[in-house]
Amino acid sequence: MNDQAIQLKKLTLTALFIALGVLLAPFVSFPFGGARVFPLQHLINVLLAVLLGWRYSTAGAFCISSIRIAMGVGTILAYPGSMIGACLSGILYKKTGSIWGAVVGEIIGTGVLGGLIAYPLAAFILDSKAVALWFFIVAFLPNTFIGSICAAVLLKILPLKKLAEDLLKR
């Protein structure tokens, strides 16, 4: 199979995950402080990171966040709360070859780094001076932990990795 066909399959699979994230956002997200948390985002981030790599995972996170914001079921905090974790998840998965590397990358990237970057966004862009620096870390960590662990369980139980490899070979 040529590279263009493989690329098209990867883009199509990413688009399917984006559609799933957008369709389920109104039903699976809930408000928490100044953010709207969405554990399914982190599940999708880890799945895309393991199946397709950090570029597709990060692009998927960006698209889901953008569409959620446009639909009114997300805030600007969705960007650092998803994209950093998606990127780090894919990078750590590539370095370690372990699903747990992807999970740790998502949790650290979203829960810690995304939470730290969300603070200046909330303070300056959303003009919210009431939140403390650590507030978003506390808000993001349980959310990303739940979604990431669910992704690891799915990857361990279901043959998703093998299905993706078979799809990309044909």
Protein backbone atom coordinates (compact mmCIF):
# COMPACT_ATOMS: atom_id res chain seq x y z
CA MET A 1 0.00 0.00 0.00
CA ASN A 2 1.35 3.40 -0.87
CA ASP A 3 2.01 6.18 1.62
CA GLN A 4 -0.92 8.30 0.45
CA ALA A 5 -3.39 5.49 1.12
CA ILE A 6 -1.96 4.93 4.61
CA GLN A 7 -2.08 8.66 5.30
CA LEU A 8 -5.72 8.80 4.18
CA LYS A 9 -6.61 5.89 6.48
CA LYS A 10 -4.90 7.58 9.43
CA LEU A 11 -6.74 10.84 8.74
CA THR A 12 -10.04 8.98 8.41
CA LEU A 13 -9.52 7.13 11.69
CA THR A 14 -8.61 10.42 13.39
CA ALA A 15 -11.76 12.02 11.95
CA LEU A 16 -13.87 9.17 13.36
CA PHE A 17 -12.40 9.74 16.82
CA ILE A 18 -13.01 13.49 16.47
CA ALA A 19 -16.63 12.83 15.53
CA LEU A 20 -17.04 10.52 18.51
CA GLY A 21 -15.57 13.14 20.84
CA VAL A 22 -17.79 15.90 19.47
CA LEU A 23 -20.97 13.82 19.46
CA LEU A 24 -20.53 12.64 23.04
CA ALA A 25 -19.30 15.98 24.47
CA PRO A 26 -22.74 17.28 25.51
CA PHE A 27 -23.52 14.03 27.33
CA VAL A 28 -20.19 13.20 28.99
CA SER A 29 -18.87 16.63 30.03
CA PHE A 30 -19.77 18.51 33.19
CA PRO A 31 -18.83 21.87 34.75
CA PHE A 32 -16.09 21.93 37.36
CA GLY A 33 -15.02 25.36 38.59
CA GLY A 34 -14.23 27.55 35.58
CA ALA A 35 -13.67 24.58 33.30
CA ARG A 36 -15.92 22.06 31.63
CA VAL A 37 -14.31 18.66 32.17
CA PHE A 38 -14.57 15.92 29.58
CA PRO A 39 -12.96 12.56 30.56
CA LEU A 40 -13.72 11.09 27.14
CA GLN A 41 -11.25 13.57 25.62
CA HIS A 42 -8.41 11.92 27.50
CA LEU A 43 -9.55 8.45 26.53
CA ILE A 44 -9.50 9.54 22.88
CA ASN A 45 -6.10 11.23 23.31
CA VAL A 46 -4.51 8.03 24.63
CA LEU A 47 -6.18 5.84 22.02
CA LEU A 48 -5.02 8.08 19.16
CA ALA A 49 -1.53 8.39 20.66
CA VAL A 50 -1.15 4.60 20.83
CA LEU A 51 -2.85 3.78 17.54
CA LEU A 52 -1.57 6.61 15.31
CA GLY A 53 1.04 8.69 17.14
CA TRP A 54 1.43 12.07 18.78
CA ARG A 55 0.72 14.18 15.70
CA TYR A 56 -2.70 12.63 15.10
CA SER A 57 -3.51 12.65 18.81
CA THR A 58 -2.63 16.35 19.12
CA ALA A 59 -4.53 17.25 15.95
CA GLY A 60 -7.55 15.29 17.18
CA ALA A 61 -7.43 17.07 20.55
CA PHE A 62 -7.23 20.45 18.81
CA CYS A 63 -10.20 19.67 16.55
CA ILE A 64 -12.39 18.28 19.33
CA SER A 65 -11.59 21.26 21.57
CA SER A 66 -12.29 23.76 18.78
CA ILE A 67 -15.62 22.18 17.85
CA ARG A 68 -16.67 21.84 21.52
CA ILE A 69 -15.95 25.54 22.05
CA ALA A 70 -17.91 26.44 18.91
CA MET A 71 -20.84 24.30 20.14
CA GLY A 72 -20.79 25.94 23.58
CA VAL A 73 -19.89 22.73 25.45
CA GLY A 74 -16.26 23.67 26.09
CA THR A 75 -14.10 26.60 27.13
CA ILE A 76 -10.75 27.99 25.99
CA LEU A 77 -9.24 25.84 28.74
CA ALA A 78 -9.92 22.81 26.54
CA TYR A 79 -6.79 23.61 24.52
CA PRO A 80 -4.13 23.26 27.22
CA GLY A 81 -6.34 20.70 28.92
CA SER A 82 -6.16 18.34 25.97
CA MET A 83 -3.44 19.17 23.46
CA ILE A 84 -0.44 19.06 25.78
CA GLY A 85 -1.53 15.73 27.18
CA ALA A 86 -2.21 14.31 23.72
CA CYS A 87 1.23 15.33 22.51
CA LEU A 88 3.11 14.06 25.56
CA SER A 89 1.08 10.85 25.55
CA GLY A 90 2.15 10.05 22.00
CA ILE A 91 5.78 10.99 22.62
CA LEU A 92 6.07 8.85 25.75
CA TYR A 93 4.32 5.96 24.03
CA LYS A 94 6.83 6.14 21.18
CA LYS A 95 9.77 6.30 23.61
CA THR A 96 8.57 3.51 25.92
CA GLY A 97 6.43 1.35 23.64
CA SER A 98 4.10 0.93 26.61
CA ILE A 99 0.44 1.83 26.97
CA TRP A 100 1.29 2.98 30.48
CA GLY A 101 3.83 5.42 29.03
CA ALA A 102 0.97 6.94 27.03
CA VAL A 103 -1.21 7.08 30.15
CA VAL A 104 1.51 8.77 32.22
CA GLY A 105 2.13 11.25 29.38
CA GLU A 106 -1.55 12.14 29.23
CA ILE A 107 -1.84 12.55 32.99
CA ILE A 108 1.31 14.67 33.35
CA GLY A 109 0.69 16.62 30.13
CA THR A 110 -2.92 17.46 30.89
CA GLY A 111 -3.13 17.24 34.67
CA VAL A 112 0.07 19.08 35.54
CA LEU A 113 1.36 21.02 32.52
CA GLY A 114 -2.08 21.76 31.06
CA GLY A 115 -3.29 22.80 34.50
CA LEU A 116 -0.36 25.20 34.92
CA ILE A 117 -0.90 26.74 31.48
CA ALA A 118 -4.65 27.03 32.08
CA TYR A 119 -3.99 29.46 34.94
CA PRO A 120 -2.71 32.38 32.81
CA LEU A 121 -5.45 31.70 30.27
CA ALA A 122 -8.08 31.97 32.99
CA ALA A 123 -6.40 34.93 34.65
CA PHE A 124 -5.79 37.05 31.55
CA ILE A 125 -8.06 35.89 28.73
CA LEU A 126 -11.11 34.97 30.82
CA ASP A 127 -10.29 37.75 33.34
CA SER A 128 -10.71 35.42 36.29
CA LYS A 129 -8.39 36.46 39.11
CA ALA A 130 -10.22 34.37 41.71
CA VAL A 131 -8.51 31.06 40.92
CA ALA A 132 -5.20 29.97 42.40
CA LEU A 133 -2.31 28.63 40.33
CA TRP A 134 -2.92 25.05 41.50
CA PHE A 135 -6.71 25.16 40.97
CA PHE A 136 -6.65 23.77 37.44
CA ILE A 137 -4.20 21.04 38.33
CA VAL A 138 -6.69 19.85 40.95
CA ALA A 139 -9.53 20.18 38.42
CA PHE A 140 -7.73 18.49 35.51
CA LEU A 141 -6.02 15.59 37.31
CA PRO A 142 -9.07 13.46 38.25
CA ASN A 143 -10.62 14.08 34.84
CA THR A 144 -7.55 13.02 32.89
CA PHE A 145 -6.80 10.13 35.24
CA ILE A 146 -10.24 8.60 34.69
CA GLY A 147 -10.15 8.98 30.91
CA SER A 148 -6.56 7.73 30.58
CA ILE A 149 -7.08 4.65 32.73
CA CYS A 150 -10.25 3.81 30.77
CA ALA A 151 -8.22 4.01 27.55
CA ALA A 152 -5.56 1.68 28.98
CA VAL A 153 -8.23 -0.82 30.02
CA LEU A 154 -9.79 -0.68 26.54
CA LEU A 155 -6.40 -1.17 24.90
CA LYS A 156 -5.66 -4.14 27.16
CA ILE A 157 -9.07 -5.80 26.75
CA LEU A 158 -9.93 -5.07 23.11
CA PRO A 159 -7.62 -5.81 20.16
CA LEU A 160 -7.68 -2.16 19.06
CA LYS A 161 -3.96 -1.96 18.34
CA LYS A 162 -4.09 -5.06 16.14
CA LEU A 163 -7.19 -3.79 14.34
CA ALA A 164 -5.49 -0.45 13.61
CA GLU A 165 -2.33 -2.20 12.37
CA ASP A 166 -4.37 -4.48 10.11
CA LEU A 167 -6.36 -1.53 8.77
CA LEU A 168 -3.22 0.42 7.95
CA LYS A 169 -1.55 -2.56 6.21
CA ARG A 170 -4.35 -3.17 3.72
